[in-house]
């Protein structure tokens, strides 16, 4: 289970997650449920 920031790096591919408001704002103390990703590998980014 993940939240904002670098969530994966195995040396070949890195994934950064950033929350968004597709599912609205969570209640106080609850986690974000919807995220966007930045994916990096081979010197490229998606």
ModelCIF file with pLDDT and N, C-alpha, C, O atoms, coordinates in Angstrom:
data_MODEL
#
_entry.id   MODEL 
#
_entity.id                         1 
_entity.type                       polymer 
_entity.pdbx_number_of_molecules   1 
#
_entity_poly.entity_id                      1 
_entity_poly.type                           'polypeptide(L)' 
_entity_poly.nstd_linkage                   no 
_entity_poly.nstd_monomer                   no 
_entity_poly.pdbx_seq_one_letter_code       
;(UNK)(UNK)(UNK)(UNK)(UNK)(UNK)(UNK)(UNK)(UNK)(UNK)(UNK)(UNK)(UNK)(UNK)(UNK)(UNK)
(UNK)(UNK)(UNK)(UNK)(UNK)(UNK)(UNK)(UNK)(UNK)(UNK)(UNK)(UNK)(UNK)(UNK)(UNK)(UNK)
(UNK)(UNK)(UNK)(UNK)(UNK)(UNK)(UNK)(UNK)(UNK)(UNK)(UNK)(UNK)(UNK)(UNK)
;
_entity_poly.pdbx_seq_one_letter_code_can   XXXXXXXXXXXXXXXXXXXXXXXXXXXXXXXXXXXXXXXXXXXXXX 
_entity_poly.pdbx_strand_id                 A 
#
loop_
_entity_poly_seq.entity_id 
_entity_poly_seq.num 
_entity_poly_seq.mon_id 
_entity_poly_seq.hetero 
1 1  UNK n 
1 2  UNK n 
1 3  UNK n 
1 4  UNK n 
1 5  UNK n 
1 6  UNK n 
1 7  UNK n 
1 8  UNK n 
1 9  UNK n 
1 10 UNK n 
1 11 UNK n 
1 12 UNK n 
1 13 UNK n 
1 14 UNK n 
1 15 UNK n 
1 16 UNK n 
1 17 UNK n 
1 18 UNK n 
1 19 UNK n 
1 20 UNK n 
1 21 UNK n 
1 22 UNK n 
1 23 UNK n 
1 24 UNK n 
1 25 UNK n 
1 26 UNK n 
1 27 UNK n 
1 28 UNK n 
1 29 UNK n 
1 30 UNK n 
1 31 UNK n 
1 32 UNK n 
1 33 UNK n 
1 34 UNK n 
1 35 UNK n 
1 36 UNK n 
1 37 UNK n 
1 38 UNK n 
1 39 UNK n 
1 40 UNK n 
1 41 UNK n 
1 42 UNK n 
1 43 UNK n 
1 44 UNK n 
1 45 UNK n 
1 46 UNK n 
#
_struct_asym.id          A 
_struct_asym.entity_id   1 
#
loop_
_ma_qa_metric.id 
_ma_qa_metric.mode 
_ma_qa_metric.name 
_ma_qa_metric.software_group_id 
_ma_qa_metric.type 
1 global pLDDT . pLDDT 
2 local  pLDDT . pLDDT 
#
_ma_qa_metric_global.metric_id      1 
_ma_qa_metric_global.metric_value   97.37 
_ma_qa_metric_global.model_id       1 
_ma_qa_metric_global.ordinal_id     1 
#
loop_
_ma_qa_metric_local.label_asym_id 
_ma_qa_metric_local.label_comp_id 
_ma_qa_metric_local.label_seq_id 
_ma_qa_metric_local.metric_id 
_ma_qa_metric_local.metric_value 
_ma_qa_metric_local.model_id 
_ma_qa_metric_local.ordinal_id 
A UNK 1  2 98.00 1 1  
A UNK 2  2 98.00 1 2  
A UNK 3  2 97.00 1 3  
A UNK 4  2 98.00 1 4  
A UNK 5  2 98.00 1 5  
A UNK 6  2 98.00 1 6  
A UNK 7  2 98.00 1 7  
A UNK 8  2 98.00 1 8  
A UNK 9  2 98.00 1 9  
A UNK 10 2 97.00 1 10 
A UNK 11 2 97.00 1 11 
A UNK 12 2 97.00 1 12 
A UNK 13 2 98.00 1 13 
A UNK 14 2 98.00 1 14 
A UNK 15 2 98.00 1 15 
A UNK 16 2 98.00 1 16 
A UNK 17 2 98.00 1 17 
A UNK 18 2 98.00 1 18 
A UNK 19 2 98.00 1 19 
A UNK 20 2 98.00 1 20 
A UNK 21 2 98.00 1 21 
A UNK 22 2 98.00 1 22 
A UNK 23 2 97.00 1 23 
A UNK 24 2 96.00 1 24 
A UNK 25 2 96.00 1 25 
A UNK 26 2 95.00 1 26 
A UNK 27 2 96.00 1 27 
A UNK 28 2 95.00 1 28 
A UNK 29 2 93.00 1 29 
A UNK 30 2 95.00 1 30 
A UNK 31 2 96.00 1 31 
A UNK 32 2 97.00 1 32 
A UNK 33 2 97.00 1 33 
A UNK 34 2 98.00 1 34 
A UNK 35 2 98.00 1 35 
A UNK 36 2 98.00 1 36 
A UNK 37 2 98.00 1 37 
A UNK 38 2 98.00 1 38 
A UNK 39 2 98.00 1 39 
A UNK 40 2 98.00 1 40 
A UNK 41 2 98.00 1 41 
A UNK 42 2 98.00 1 42 
A UNK 43 2 98.00 1 43 
A UNK 44 2 98.00 1 44 
A UNK 45 2 98.00 1 45 
A UNK 46 2 98.00 1 46 
#
loop_
_atom_site.group_PDB 
_atom_site.id 
_atom_site.type_symbol 
_atom_site.label_atom_id 
_atom_site.label_alt_id 
_atom_site.label_comp_id 
_atom_site.label_asym_id 
_atom_site.label_entity_id 
_atom_site.label_seq_id 
_atom_site.pdbx_PDB_ins_code 
_atom_site.Cartn_x 
_atom_site.Cartn_y 
_atom_site.Cartn_z 
_atom_site.occupancy 
_atom_site.B_iso_or_equiv 
_atom_site.pdbx_formal_charge 
_atom_site.auth_seq_id 
_atom_site.auth_comp_id 
_atom_site.auth_asym_id 
_atom_site.auth_atom_id 
_atom_site.pdbx_PDB_model_num 
ATOM 1   N N  . UNK A 1 1  ? 0.849   -1.184 0.000   1.00 98.00 ? 1  UNK A N  1 
ATOM 2   C CA . UNK A 1 1  ? 0.000   0.000  0.000   1.00 98.00 ? 1  UNK A CA 1 
ATOM 3   C C  . UNK A 1 1  ? 0.891   1.243  0.000   1.00 98.00 ? 1  UNK A C  1 
ATOM 4   O O  . UNK A 1 1  ? 1.868   1.319  0.746   1.00 98.00 ? 1  UNK A O  1 
ATOM 5   N N  . UNK A 1 2  ? 0.545   2.210  -0.841  1.00 98.00 ? 2  UNK A N  1 
ATOM 6   C CA . UNK A 1 2  ? 1.451   3.321  -1.086  1.00 98.00 ? 2  UNK A CA 1 
ATOM 7   C C  . UNK A 1 2  ? 0.773   4.662  -0.861  1.00 98.00 ? 2  UNK A C  1 
ATOM 8   O O  . UNK A 1 2  ? -0.448  4.757  -0.739  1.00 98.00 ? 2  UNK A O  1 
ATOM 9   N N  . UNK A 1 3  ? 1.610   5.699  -0.812  1.00 97.00 ? 3  UNK A N  1 
ATOM 10  C CA . UNK A 1 3  ? 1.137   7.083  -0.741  1.00 97.00 ? 3  UNK A CA 1 
ATOM 11  C C  . UNK A 1 3  ? 2.069   7.924  -1.606  1.00 97.00 ? 3  UNK A C  1 
ATOM 12  O O  . UNK A 1 3  ? 2.746   7.379  -2.478  1.00 97.00 ? 3  UNK A O  1 
ATOM 13  N N  . UNK A 1 4  ? 2.120   9.229  -1.390  1.00 98.00 ? 4  UNK A N  1 
ATOM 14  C CA . UNK A 1 4  ? 2.914   10.114 -2.237  1.00 98.00 ? 4  UNK A CA 1 
ATOM 15  C C  . UNK A 1 4  ? 4.409   9.816  -2.143  1.00 98.00 ? 4  UNK A C  1 
ATOM 16  O O  . UNK A 1 4  ? 4.919   9.411  -1.099  1.00 98.00 ? 4  UNK A O  1 
ATOM 17  N N  . UNK A 1 5  ? 5.096   10.030 -3.273  1.00 98.00 ? 5  UNK A N  1 
ATOM 18  C CA . UNK A 1 5  ? 6.548   9.926  -3.285  1.00 98.00 ? 5  UNK A CA 1 
ATOM 19  C C  . UNK A 1 5  ? 7.041   8.783  -4.139  1.00 98.00 ? 5  UNK A C  1 
ATOM 20  O O  . UNK A 1 5  ? 6.283   8.194  -4.909  1.00 98.00 ? 5  UNK A O  1 
ATOM 21  N N  . UNK A 1 6  ? 8.320   8.472  -3.997  1.00 98.00 ? 6  UNK A N  1 
ATOM 22  C CA . UNK A 1 6  ? 8.917   7.357  -4.713  1.00 98.00 ? 6  UNK A CA 1 
ATOM 23  C C  . UNK A 1 6  ? 8.420   6.060  -4.095  1.00 98.00 ? 6  UNK A C  1 
ATOM 24  O O  . UNK A 1 6  ? 8.695   5.778  -2.928  1.00 98.00 ? 6  UNK A O  1 
ATOM 25  N N  . UNK A 1 7  ? 7.685   5.268  -4.877  1.00 98.00 ? 7  UNK A N  1 
ATOM 26  C CA . UNK A 1 7  ? 7.111   4.041  -4.324  1.00 98.00 ? 7  UNK A CA 1 
ATOM 27  C C  . UNK A 1 7  ? 7.801   2.783  -4.837  1.00 98.00 ? 7  UNK A C  1 
ATOM 28  O O  . UNK A 1 7  ? 7.574   1.690  -4.317  1.00 98.00 ? 7  UNK A O  1 
ATOM 29  N N  . UNK A 1 8  ? 8.660   2.940  -5.879  1.00 98.00 ? 8  UNK A N  1 
ATOM 30  C CA . UNK A 1 8  ? 9.294   1.745  -6.437  1.00 98.00 ? 8  UNK A CA 1 
ATOM 31  C C  . UNK A 1 8  ? 10.577  2.139  -7.158  1.00 98.00 ? 8  UNK A C  1 
ATOM 32  O O  . UNK A 1 8  ? 10.612  3.121  -7.900  1.00 98.00 ? 8  UNK A O  1 
ATOM 33  N N  . UNK A 1 9  ? 11.636  1.355  -6.927  1.00 98.00 ? 9  UNK A N  1 
ATOM 34  C CA . UNK A 1 9  ? 12.899  1.546  -7.644  1.00 98.00 ? 9  UNK A CA 1 
ATOM 35  C C  . UNK A 1 9  ? 13.675  0.238  -7.565  1.00 98.00 ? 9  UNK A C  1 
ATOM 36  O O  . UNK A 1 9  ? 14.218  -0.110 -6.516  1.00 98.00 ? 9  UNK A O  1 
ATOM 37  N N  . UNK A 1 10 ? 13.724  -0.489 -8.689  1.00 97.00 ? 10 UNK A N  1 
ATOM 38  C CA . UNK A 1 10 ? 14.465  -1.752 -8.708  1.00 97.00 ? 10 UNK A CA 1 
ATOM 39  C C  . UNK A 1 10 ? 15.759  -1.634 -9.505  1.00 97.00 ? 10 UNK A C  1 
ATOM 40  O O  . UNK A 1 10 ? 16.386  -2.643 -9.829  1.00 97.00 ? 10 UNK A O  1 
ATOM 41  N N  . UNK A 1 11 ? 16.156  -0.417 -9.818  1.00 97.00 ? 11 UNK A N  1 
ATOM 42  C CA . UNK A 1 11 ? 17.357  -0.197 -10.608 1.00 97.00 ? 11 UNK A CA 1 
ATOM 43  C C  . UNK A 1 11 ? 17.094  -0.116 -12.099 1.00 97.00 ? 11 UNK A C  1 
ATOM 44  O O  . UNK A 1 11 ? 17.884  0.472  -12.838 1.00 97.00 ? 11 UNK A O  1 
ATOM 45  N N  . UNK A 1 12 ? 15.993  -0.699 -12.549 1.00 97.00 ? 12 UNK A N  1 
ATOM 46  C CA . UNK A 1 12 ? 15.618  -0.636 -13.965 1.00 97.00 ? 12 UNK A CA 1 
ATOM 47  C C  . UNK A 1 12 ? 14.492  0.358  -14.192 1.00 97.00 ? 12 UNK A C  1 
ATOM 48  O O  . UNK A 1 12 ? 14.430  1.003  -15.239 1.00 97.00 ? 12 UNK A O  1 
ATOM 49  N N  . UNK A 1 13 ? 13.601  0.485  -13.216 1.00 98.00 ? 13 UNK A N  1 
ATOM 50  C CA . UNK A 1 13 ? 12.424  1.347  -13.367 1.00 98.00 ? 13 UNK A CA 1 
ATOM 51  C C  . UNK A 1 13 ? 12.077  1.971  -12.026 1.00 98.00 ? 13 UNK A C  1 
ATOM 52  O O  . UNK A 1 13 ? 12.129  1.318  -10.984 1.00 98.00 ? 13 UNK A O  1 
ATOM 53  N N  . UNK A 1 14 ? 11.722  3.251  -12.074 1.00 98.00 ? 14 UNK A N  1 
ATOM 54  C CA . UNK A 1 14 ? 11.316  3.995  -10.884 1.00 98.00 ? 14 UNK A CA 1 
ATOM 55  C C  . UNK A 1 14 ? 9.892   4.512  -11.075 1.00 98.00 ? 14 UNK A C  1 
ATOM 56  O O  . UNK A 1 14 ? 9.519   4.922  -12.174 1.00 98.00 ? 14 UNK A O  1 
ATOM 57  N N  . UNK A 1 15 ? 9.107   4.492  -10.015 1.00 98.00 ? 15 UNK A N  1 
ATOM 58  C CA . UNK A 1 15 ? 7.743   5.008  -10.065 1.00 98.00 ? 15 UNK A CA 1 
ATOM 59  C C  . UNK A 1 15 ? 7.531   5.982  -8.906  1.00 98.00 ? 15 UNK A C  1 
ATOM 60  O O  . UNK A 1 15 ? 7.711   5.636  -7.739  1.00 98.00 ? 15 UNK A O  1 
ATOM 61  N N  . UNK A 1 16 ? 7.144   7.202  -9.259  1.00 98.00 ? 16 UNK A N  1 
ATOM 62  C CA . UNK A 1 16 ? 6.742   8.213  -8.282  1.00 98.00 ? 16 UNK A CA 1 
ATOM 63  C C  . UNK A 1 16 ? 5.220   8.325  -8.329  1.00 98.00 ? 16 UNK A C  1 
ATOM 64  O O  . UNK A 1 16 ? 4.634   8.350  -9.411  1.00 98.00 ? 16 UNK A O  1 
ATOM 65  N N  . UNK A 1 17 ? 4.583   8.393  -7.175  1.00 98.00 ? 17 UNK A N  1 
ATOM 66  C CA . UNK A 1 17 ? 3.126   8.545  -7.085  1.00 98.00 ? 17 UNK A CA 1 
ATOM 67  C C  . UNK A 1 17 ? 2.779   9.931  -6.567  1.00 98.00 ? 17 UNK A C  1 
ATOM 68  O O  . UNK A 1 17 ? 3.479   10.488 -5.722  1.00 98.00 ? 17 UNK A O  1 
ATOM 69  N N  . UNK A 1 18 ? 1.687   10.479 -7.086  1.00 98.00 ? 18 UNK A N  1 
ATOM 70  C CA . UNK A 1 18 ? 1.188   11.786 -6.646  1.00 98.00 ? 18 UNK A CA 1 
ATOM 71  C C  . UNK A 1 18 ? -0.325  11.707 -6.551  1.00 98.00 ? 18 UNK A C  1 
ATOM 72  O O  . UNK A 1 18 ? -0.995  11.361 -7.524  1.00 98.00 ? 18 UNK A O  1 
ATOM 73  N N  . UNK A 1 19 ? -0.866  12.027 -5.379  1.00 98.00 ? 19 UNK A N  1 
ATOM 74  C CA . UNK A 1 19 ? -2.312  11.918 -5.192  1.00 98.00 ? 19 UNK A CA 1 
ATOM 75  C C  . UNK A 1 19 ? -3.051  12.932 -6.059  1.00 98.00 ? 19 UNK A C  1 
ATOM 76  O O  . UNK A 1 19 ? -2.494  13.959 -6.444  1.00 98.00 ? 19 UNK A O  1 
ATOM 77  N N  . UNK A 1 20 ? -4.314  12.630 -6.361  1.00 98.00 ? 20 UNK A N  1 
ATOM 78  C CA . UNK A 1 20 ? -5.187  13.564 -7.061  1.00 98.00 ? 20 UNK A CA 1 
ATOM 79  C C  . UNK A 1 20 ? -6.591  13.494 -6.465  1.00 98.00 ? 20 UNK A C  1 
ATOM 80  O O  . UNK A 1 20 ? -6.854  12.682 -5.578  1.00 98.00 ? 20 UNK A O  1 
ATOM 81  N N  . UNK A 1 21 ? -7.478  14.336 -6.948  1.00 98.00 ? 21 UNK A N  1 
ATOM 82  C CA . UNK A 1 21 ? -8.797  14.490 -6.329  1.00 98.00 ? 21 UNK A CA 1 
ATOM 83  C C  . UNK A 1 21 ? -9.911  13.774 -7.087  1.00 98.00 ? 21 UNK A C  1 
ATOM 84  O O  . UNK A 1 21 ? -11.086 14.109 -6.930  1.00 98.00 ? 21 UNK A O  1 
ATOM 85  N N  . UNK A 1 22 ? -9.545  12.787 -7.912  1.00 98.00 ? 22 UNK A N  1 
ATOM 86  C CA . UNK A 1 22 ? -10.584 12.052 -8.643  1.00 98.00 ? 22 UNK A CA 1 
ATOM 87  C C  . UNK A 1 22 ? -11.637 11.474 -7.700  1.00 98.00 ? 22 UNK A C  1 
ATOM 88  O O  . UNK A 1 22 ? -12.821 11.459 -8.037  1.00 98.00 ? 22 UNK A O  1 
ATOM 89  N N  . UNK A 1 23 ? -11.233 11.008 -6.545  1.00 97.00 ? 23 UNK A N  1 
ATOM 90  C CA . UNK A 1 23 ? -12.167 10.442 -5.561  1.00 97.00 ? 23 UNK A CA 1 
ATOM 91  C C  . UNK A 1 23 ? -12.452 11.426 -4.431  1.00 97.00 ? 23 UNK A C  1 
ATOM 92  O O  . UNK A 1 23 ? -12.905 11.036 -3.355  1.00 97.00 ? 23 UNK A O  1 
ATOM 93  N N  . UNK A 1 24 ? -12.185 12.696 -4.685  1.00 96.00 ? 24 UNK A N  1 
ATOM 94  C CA . UNK A 1 24 ? -12.437 13.718 -3.682  1.00 96.00 ? 24 UNK A CA 1 
ATOM 95  C C  . UNK A 1 24 ? -11.333 13.775 -2.639  1.00 96.00 ? 24 UNK A C  1 
ATOM 96  O O  . UNK A 1 24 ? -10.316 13.090 -2.745  1.00 96.00 ? 24 UNK A O  1 
ATOM 97  N N  . UNK A 1 25 ? -11.554 14.603 -1.636  1.00 96.00 ? 25 UNK A N  1 
ATOM 98  C CA . UNK A 1 25 ? -10.594 14.739 -0.542  1.00 96.00 ? 25 UNK A CA 1 
ATOM 99  C C  . UNK A 1 25 ? -10.940 13.731 0.556   1.00 96.00 ? 25 UNK A C  1 
ATOM 100 O O  . UNK A 1 25 ? -12.104 13.615 0.938   1.00 96.00 ? 25 UNK A O  1 
ATOM 101 N N  . UNK A 1 26 ? -9.956  13.011 1.061   1.00 95.00 ? 26 UNK A N  1 
ATOM 102 C CA . UNK A 1 26 ? -10.261 12.047 2.117   1.00 95.00 ? 26 UNK A CA 1 
ATOM 103 C C  . UNK A 1 26 ? -10.639 12.739 3.422   1.00 95.00 ? 26 UNK A C  1 
ATOM 104 O O  . UNK A 1 26 ? -10.288 13.896 3.651   1.00 95.00 ? 26 UNK A O  1 
ATOM 105 N N  . UNK A 1 27 ? -11.348 12.026 4.255   1.00 96.00 ? 27 UNK A N  1 
ATOM 106 C CA . UNK A 1 27 ? -11.663 12.534 5.584   1.00 96.00 ? 27 UNK A CA 1 
ATOM 107 C C  . UNK A 1 27 ? -10.381 12.667 6.399   1.00 96.00 ? 27 UNK A C  1 
ATOM 108 O O  . UNK A 1 27 ? -9.400  11.983 6.104   1.00 96.00 ? 27 UNK A O  1 
ATOM 109 N N  . UNK A 1 28 ? -10.361 13.515 7.400   1.00 95.00 ? 28 UNK A N  1 
ATOM 110 C CA . UNK A 1 28 ? -9.156  13.673 8.229   1.00 95.00 ? 28 UNK A CA 1 
ATOM 111 C C  . UNK A 1 28 ? -8.655  12.322 8.753   1.00 95.00 ? 28 UNK A C  1 
ATOM 112 O O  . UNK A 1 28 ? -9.407  11.534 9.326   1.00 95.00 ? 28 UNK A O  1 
ATOM 113 N N  . UNK A 1 29 ? -7.369  12.088 8.537   1.00 93.00 ? 29 UNK A N  1 
ATOM 114 C CA . UNK A 1 29 ? -6.767  10.841 8.994   1.00 93.00 ? 29 UNK A CA 1 
ATOM 115 C C  . UNK A 1 29 ? -6.866  9.687  8.020   1.00 93.00 ? 29 UNK A C  1 
ATOM 116 O O  . UNK A 1 29 ? -6.231  8.651  8.216   1.00 93.00 ? 29 UNK A O  1 
ATOM 117 N N  . UNK A 1 30 ? -7.667  9.856  6.958   1.00 95.00 ? 30 UNK A N  1 
ATOM 118 C CA . UNK A 1 30 ? -7.806  8.805  5.955   1.00 95.00 ? 30 UNK A CA 1 
ATOM 119 C C  . UNK A 1 30 ? -6.809  9.024  4.819   1.00 95.00 ? 30 UNK A C  1 
ATOM 120 O O  . UNK A 1 30 ? -6.436  10.165 4.548   1.00 95.00 ? 30 UNK A O  1 
ATOM 121 N N  . UNK A 1 31 ? -6.370  7.960  4.151   1.00 96.00 ? 31 UNK A N  1 
ATOM 122 C CA . UNK A 1 31 ? -5.390  8.122  3.069   1.00 96.00 ? 31 UNK A CA 1 
ATOM 123 C C  . UNK A 1 31 ? -6.045  8.545  1.758   1.00 96.00 ? 31 UNK A C  1 
ATOM 124 O O  . UNK A 1 31 ? -7.245  8.357  1.558   1.00 96.00 ? 31 UNK A O  1 
ATOM 125 N N  . UNK A 1 32 ? -5.236  9.118  0.873   1.00 97.00 ? 32 UNK A N  1 
ATOM 126 C CA . UNK A 1 32 ? -5.680  9.359  -0.500  1.00 97.00 ? 32 UNK A CA 1 
ATOM 127 C C  . UNK A 1 32 ? -5.885  8.019  -1.196  1.00 97.00 ? 32 UNK A C  1 
ATOM 128 O O  . UNK A 1 32 ? -5.169  7.056  -0.919  1.00 97.00 ? 32 UNK A O  1 
ATOM 129 N N  . UNK A 1 33 ? -6.861  7.956  -2.099  1.00 97.00 ? 33 UNK A N  1 
ATOM 130 C CA . UNK A 1 33 ? -7.191  6.696  -2.778  1.00 97.00 ? 33 UNK A CA 1 
ATOM 131 C C  . UNK A 1 33 ? -6.923  6.727  -4.275  1.00 97.00 ? 33 UNK A C  1 
ATOM 132 O O  . UNK A 1 33 ? -6.948  5.678  -4.918  1.00 97.00 ? 33 UNK A O  1 
ATOM 133 N N  . UNK A 1 34 ? -6.665  7.905  -4.852  1.00 98.00 ? 34 UNK A N  1 
ATOM 134 C CA . UNK A 1 34 ? -6.448  8.016  -6.295  1.00 98.00 ? 34 UNK A CA 1 
ATOM 135 C C  . UNK A 1 34 ? -5.115  8.714  -6.549  1.00 98.00 ? 34 UNK A C  1 
ATOM 136 O O  . UNK A 1 34 ? -4.792  9.715  -5.909  1.00 98.00 ? 34 UNK A O  1 
ATOM 137 N N  . UNK A 1 35 ? -4.339  8.166  -7.499  1.00 98.00 ? 35 UNK A N  1 
ATOM 138 C CA . UNK A 1 35 ? -2.981  8.658  -7.745  1.00 98.00 ? 35 UNK A CA 1 
ATOM 139 C C  . UNK A 1 35 ? -2.679  8.712  -9.238  1.00 98.00 ? 35 UNK A C  1 
ATOM 140 O O  . UNK A 1 35 ? -3.277  8.003  -10.047 1.00 98.00 ? 35 UNK A O  1 
ATOM 141 N N  . UNK A 1 36 ? -1.733  9.576  -9.568  1.00 98.00 ? 36 UNK A N  1 
ATOM 142 C CA . UNK A 1 36 ? -1.095  9.608  -10.877 1.00 98.00 ? 36 UNK A CA 1 
ATOM 143 C C  . UNK A 1 36 ? 0.349   9.150  -10.692 1.00 98.00 ? 36 UNK A C  1 
ATOM 144 O O  . UNK A 1 36 ? 0.873   9.176  -9.578  1.00 98.00 ? 36 UNK A O  1 
ATOM 145 N N  . UNK A 1 37 ? 0.996   8.728  -11.786 1.00 98.00 ? 37 UNK A N  1 
ATOM 146 C CA . UNK A 1 37 ? 2.344   8.174  -11.699 1.00 98.00 ? 37 UNK A CA 1 
ATOM 147 C C  . UNK A 1 37 ? 3.300   8.875  -12.662 1.00 98.00 ? 37 UNK A C  1 
ATOM 148 O O  . UNK A 1 37 ? 2.909   9.286  -13.754 1.00 98.00 ? 37 UNK A O  1 
ATOM 149 N N  . UNK A 1 38 ? 4.536   9.001  -12.248 1.00 98.00 ? 38 UNK A N  1 
ATOM 150 C CA . UNK A 1 38 ? 5.653   9.323  -13.138 1.00 98.00 ? 38 UNK A CA 1 
ATOM 151 C C  . UNK A 1 38 ? 6.556   8.100  -13.158 1.00 98.00 ? 38 UNK A C  1 
ATOM 152 O O  . UNK A 1 38 ? 7.034   7.655  -12.115 1.00 98.00 ? 38 UNK A O  1 
ATOM 153 N N  . UNK A 1 39 ? 6.786   7.561  -14.348 1.00 98.00 ? 39 UNK A N  1 
ATOM 154 C CA . UNK A 1 39 ? 7.514   6.308  -14.541 1.00 98.00 ? 39 UNK A CA 1 
ATOM 155 C C  . UNK A 1 39 ? 8.808   6.618  -15.287 1.00 98.00 ? 39 UNK A C  1 
ATOM 156 O O  . UNK A 1 39 ? 8.772   7.225  -16.357 1.00 98.00 ? 39 UNK A O  1 
ATOM 157 N N  . UNK A 1 40 ? 9.946   6.210  -14.738 1.00 98.00 ? 40 UNK A N  1 
ATOM 158 C CA . UNK A 1 40 ? 11.239  6.538  -15.328 1.00 98.00 ? 40 UNK A CA 1 
ATOM 159 C C  . UNK A 1 40 ? 12.044  5.267  -15.579 1.00 98.00 ? 40 UNK A C  1 
ATOM 160 O O  . UNK A 1 40 ? 12.168  4.412  -14.702 1.00 98.00 ? 40 UNK A O  1 
ATOM 161 N N  . UNK A 1 41 ? 12.594  5.156  -16.800 1.00 98.00 ? 41 UNK A N  1 
ATOM 162 C CA . UNK A 1 41 ? 13.454  4.028  -17.166 1.00 98.00 ? 41 UNK A CA 1 
ATOM 163 C C  . UNK A 1 41 ? 14.248  4.401  -18.403 1.00 98.00 ? 41 UNK A C  1 
ATOM 164 O O  . UNK A 1 41 ? 13.766  5.149  -19.254 1.00 98.00 ? 41 UNK A O  1 
ATOM 165 N N  . UNK A 1 42 ? 15.455  3.888  -18.505 1.00 98.00 ? 42 UNK A N  1 
ATOM 166 C CA . UNK A 1 42 ? 16.299  4.098  -19.685 1.00 98.00 ? 42 UNK A CA 1 
ATOM 167 C C  . UNK A 1 42 ? 16.461  5.575  -20.024 1.00 98.00 ? 42 UNK A C  1 
ATOM 168 O O  . UNK A 1 42 ? 16.553  5.938  -21.197 1.00 98.00 ? 42 UNK A O  1 
ATOM 169 N N  . UNK A 1 43 ? 16.496  6.430  -19.001 1.00 98.00 ? 43 UNK A N  1 
ATOM 170 C CA . UNK A 1 43 ? 16.659  7.850  -19.225 1.00 98.00 ? 43 UNK A CA 1 
ATOM 171 C C  . UNK A 1 43 ? 15.432  8.556  -19.766 1.00 98.00 ? 43 UNK A C  1 
ATOM 172 O O  . UNK A 1 43 ? 15.519  9.719  -20.160 1.00 98.00 ? 43 UNK A O  1 
ATOM 173 N N  . UNK A 1 44 ? 14.293  7.883  -19.795 1.00 98.00 ? 44 UNK A N  1 
ATOM 174 C CA . UNK A 1 44 ? 13.041  8.442  -20.292 1.00 98.00 ? 44 UNK A CA 1 
ATOM 175 C C  . UNK A 1 44 ? 12.017  8.506  -19.166 1.00 98.00 ? 44 UNK A C  1 
ATOM 176 O O  . UNK A 1 44 ? 12.169  7.854  -18.133 1.00 98.00 ? 44 UNK A O  1 
ATOM 177 N N  . UNK A 1 45 ? 10.971  9.302  -19.380 1.00 98.00 ? 45 UNK A N  1 
ATOM 178 C CA . UNK A 1 45 ? 9.925   9.449  -18.369 1.00 98.00 ? 45 UNK A CA 1 
ATOM 179 C C  . UNK A 1 45 ? 8.551   9.442  -19.021 1.00 98.00 ? 45 UNK A C  1 
ATOM 180 O O  . UNK A 1 45 ? 8.322   10.117 -20.024 1.00 98.00 ? 45 UNK A O  1 
ATOM 181 N N  . UNK A 1 46 ? 7.643   8.672  -18.439 1.00 98.00 ? 46 UNK A N  1 
ATOM 182 C CA . UNK A 1 46 ? 6.240   8.618  -18.848 1.00 98.00 ? 46 UNK A CA 1 
ATOM 183 C C  . UNK A 1 46 ? 5.398   9.057  -17.663 1.00 98.00 ? 46 UNK A C  1 
ATOM 184 O O  . UNK A 1 46 ? 4.171   9.095  -17.758 1.00 98.00 ? 46 UNK A O  1 
#
